[in-house]
C-alpha atoms as a PDB file:
ATOM      1  CA  UNK A   1      -4.335 -22.777  43.684  1.00  0.00           C
ATOM      2  CA  UNK A   2      -3.169 -20.993  40.600  1.00  0.00           C
ATOM      3  CA  UNK A   3      -3.130 -17.211  40.555  1.00  0.00           C
ATOM      4  CA  UNK A   4      -2.629 -14.843  37.980  1.00  0.00           C
ATOM      5  CA  UNK A   5      -2.749 -17.506  34.982  1.00  0.00           C
ATOM      6  CA  UNK A   6      -1.984 -16.096  31.848  1.00  0.00           C
ATOM      7  CA  UNK A   7      -3.152 -18.280  28.571  1.00  0.00           C
ATOM      8  CA  UNK A   8      -0.834 -17.355  25.598  1.00  0.00           C
ATOM      9  CA  UNK A   9      -1.488 -18.868  22.652  1.00  0.00           C
ATOM     10  CA  UNK A  10       1.019 -18.814  19.829  1.00  0.00           C
ATOM     11  CA  UNK A  11      -0.304 -17.928  15.825  1.00  0.00           C
ATOM     12  CA  UNK A  12       1.631 -19.436  13.391  1.00  0.00           C
ATOM     13  CA  UNK A  13       2.811 -17.765  10.430  1.00  0.00           C
ATOM     14  CA  UNK A  14       0.259 -19.264   7.922  1.00  0.00           C
ATOM     15  CA  UNK A  15      -2.580 -18.651  11.053  1.00  0.00           C
ATOM     16  CA  UNK A  16      -1.614 -15.177  10.812  1.00  0.00           C
ATOM     17  CA  UNK A  17      -1.729 -14.844   7.083  1.00  0.00           C
ATOM     18  CA  UNK A  18      -5.254 -16.450   6.864  1.00  0.00           C
ATOM     19  CA  UNK A  19      -5.579 -14.132   9.171  1.00  0.00           C
ATOM     20  CA  UNK A  20      -4.789 -10.940   7.354  1.00  0.00           C
ATOM     21  CA  UNK A  21      -6.728 -12.457   4.117  1.00  0.00           C
ATOM     22  CA  UNK A  22      -9.850 -12.795   5.785  1.00  0.00           C
ATOM     23  CA  UNK A  23      -9.259  -9.360   7.347  1.00  0.00           C
ATOM     24  CA  UNK A  24      -8.460  -7.886   3.748  1.00  0.00           C
ATOM     25  CA  UNK A  25     -11.318  -9.793   2.161  1.00  0.00           C
ATOM     26  CA  UNK A  26     -13.925  -8.211   4.834  1.00  0.00           C
ATOM     27  CA  UNK A  27     -12.403  -4.544   4.220  1.00  0.00           C
ATOM     28  CA  UNK A  28     -12.840  -4.841   1.025  1.00  0.00           C
ATOM     29  CA  UNK A  29     -16.789  -6.589   1.639  1.00  0.00           C
ATOM     30  CA  UNK A  30     -17.200  -2.912   4.176  1.00  0.00           C
ATOM     31  CA  UNK A  31     -15.936  -1.458   1.273  1.00  0.00           C
ATOM     32  CA  UNK A  32     -18.143  -2.090  -1.077  1.00  0.00           C
ATOM     33  CA  UNK A  33     -20.443  -1.560   1.497  1.00  0.00           C
ATOM     34  CA  UNK A  34     -19.740   1.996   1.879  1.00  0.00           C
ATOM     35  CA  UNK A  35     -19.745   3.064  -1.935  1.00  0.00           C
ATOM     36  CA  UNK A  36     -22.859   2.272  -1.866  1.00  0.00           C
ATOM     37  CA  UNK A  37     -23.450   4.096   0.998  1.00  0.00           C
ATOM     38  CA  UNK A  38     -22.414   6.848  -0.808  1.00  0.00           C
ATOM     39  CA  UNK A  39     -23.390   6.281  -3.809  1.00  0.00           C
ATOM     40  CA  UNK A  40     -27.153   6.669  -1.812  1.00  0.00           C
ATOM     41  CA  UNK A  41     -26.293  10.331  -0.464  1.00  0.00           C
ATOM     42  CA  UNK A  42     -25.375  11.456  -3.710  1.00  0.00           C
ATOM     43  CA  UNK A  43     -28.737  10.239  -5.233  1.00  0.00           C
ATOM     44  CA  UNK A  44     -30.363  12.206  -2.635  1.00  0.00           C
ATOM     45  CA  UNK A  45     -28.070  15.262  -2.463  1.00  0.00           C
ATOM     46  CA  UNK A  46     -29.165  15.723  -6.429  1.00  0.00           C
ATOM     47  CA  UNK A  47     -32.958  16.219  -5.305  1.00  0.00           C
ATOM     48  CA  UNK A  48     -34.363  19.620  -5.678  1.00  0.00           C
ATOM     49  CA  UNK A  49     -34.846  20.820  -2.389  1.00  0.00           C
ATOM     50  CA  UNK A  50     -32.499  18.383  -0.630  1.00  0.00           C
ATOM     51  CA  UNK A  51     -30.357  19.930   2.461  1.00  0.00           C
ATOM     52  CA  UNK A  52     -26.684  19.832   1.525  1.00  0.00           C
ATOM     53  CA  UNK A  53     -26.251  20.216   5.366  1.00  0.00           C
ATOM     54  CA  UNK A  54     -27.011  17.038   5.953  1.00  0.00           C
ATOM     55  CA  UNK A  55     -24.980  15.931   3.380  1.00  0.00           C
ATOM     56  CA  UNK A  56     -21.692  16.912   4.662  1.00  0.00           C
ATOM     57  CA  UNK A  57     -22.667  15.577   7.734  1.00  0.00           C
ATOM     58  CA  UNK A  58     -23.503  11.837   6.736  1.00  0.00           C
ATOM     59  CA  UNK A  59     -20.394  11.734   4.071  1.00  0.00           C
ATOM     60  CA  UNK A  60     -17.393  13.397   6.774  1.00  0.00           C
ATOM     61  CA  UNK A  61     -19.596   9.611   9.021  1.00  0.00           C
ATOM     62  CA  UNK A  62     -18.528   7.634   5.655  1.00  0.00           C
ATOM     63  CA  UNK A  63     -16.040   9.306   5.704  1.00  0.00           C
ATOM     64  CA  UNK A  64     -14.423   8.341   9.206  1.00  0.00           C
ATOM     65  CA  UNK A  65     -15.912   4.940   8.435  1.00  0.00           C
ATOM     66  CA  UNK A  66     -13.626   3.954   5.568  1.00  0.00           C
ATOM     67  CA  UNK A  67     -10.351   6.071   7.002  1.00  0.00           C
ATOM     68  CA  UNK A  68     -10.767   3.849  10.088  1.00  0.00           C
ATOM     69  CA  UNK A  69     -11.090   0.783   7.947  1.00  0.00           C
ATOM     70  CA  UNK A  70      -8.308   1.442   5.944  1.00  0.00           C
ATOM     71  CA  UNK A  71      -5.425   2.664   9.172  1.00  0.00           C
ATOM     72  CA  UNK A  72      -6.314  -0.467  10.828  1.00  0.00           C
ATOM     73  CA  UNK A  73      -6.446  -2.904   7.863  1.00  0.00           C
ATOM     74  CA  UNK A  74      -3.061  -0.925   7.580  1.00  0.00           C
ATOM     75  CA  UNK A  75      -1.672  -1.081  10.846  1.00  0.00           C
ATOM     76  CA  UNK A  76      -2.260  -5.232  10.440  1.00  0.00           C
ATOM     77  CA  UNK A  77      -0.333  -5.470   7.490  1.00  0.00           C
ATOM     78  CA  UNK A  78       2.919  -3.707   9.362  1.00  0.00           C
ATOM     79  CA  UNK A  79       2.650  -5.979  12.156  1.00  0.00           C
ATOM     80  CA  UNK A  80       2.573  -8.949   9.692  1.00  0.00           C
ATOM     81  CA  UNK A  81       5.125  -7.575   7.315  1.00  0.00           C
ATOM     82  CA  UNK A  82       7.291  -6.309  10.499  1.00  0.00           C
ATOM     83  CA  UNK A  83       6.638 -10.455  11.457  1.00  0.00           C
ATOM     84  CA  UNK A  84       7.535 -11.852   8.750  1.00  0.00           C
ATOM     85  CA  UNK A  85      11.517  -9.510   8.591  1.00  0.00           C
ATOM     86  CA  UNK A  86      12.205 -11.126  11.987  1.00  0.00           C
ATOM     87  CA  UNK A  87      11.083 -14.866  11.205  1.00  0.00           C
ATOM     88  CA  UNK A  88      13.562 -14.522   7.725  1.00  0.00           C
ATOM     89  CA  UNK A  89      16.121 -12.760  10.334  1.00  0.00           C
ATOM     90  CA  UNK A  90      15.937 -15.781  13.138  1.00  0.00           C
ATOM     91  CA  UNK A  91      15.941 -18.023  10.218  1.00  0.00           C
ATOM     92  CA  UNK A  92      19.521 -16.933   8.842  1.00  0.00           C
ATOM     93  CA  UNK A  93      21.047 -16.971  12.860  1.00  0.00           C
ATOM     94  CA  UNK A  94      19.682 -20.487  13.006  1.00  0.00           C
ATOM     95  CA  UNK A  95      23.290 -22.565  12.718  1.00  0.00           C
ATOM     96  CA  UNK A  96      22.566 -26.172  10.886  1.00  0.00           C
ATOM     97  CA  UNK A  97      23.557 -29.016  13.018  1.00  0.00           C
ATOM     98  CA  UNK A  98      26.233 -30.905  12.181  1.00  0.00           C
END
């Protein structure tokens, strides 16, 4: 009987790079959608009689979404960069076989 079995999956640098690029593409797509939302909000607030309070509330939410996406991508990029540096250091320490 095996209890508390933990499976650790190793991700190769190439897989991690591909995942990072895919995440960046998604962030660009999400940003484009957010920009469309911002344009819609601007068009609405430009209308006579529009409620500026609604605009401010919705724009605040949109900016929070934008910031969260960028912070997440930046953290992922920093982790990847750290791993690249670790690999570089490890590759320098390897002694070629004689």
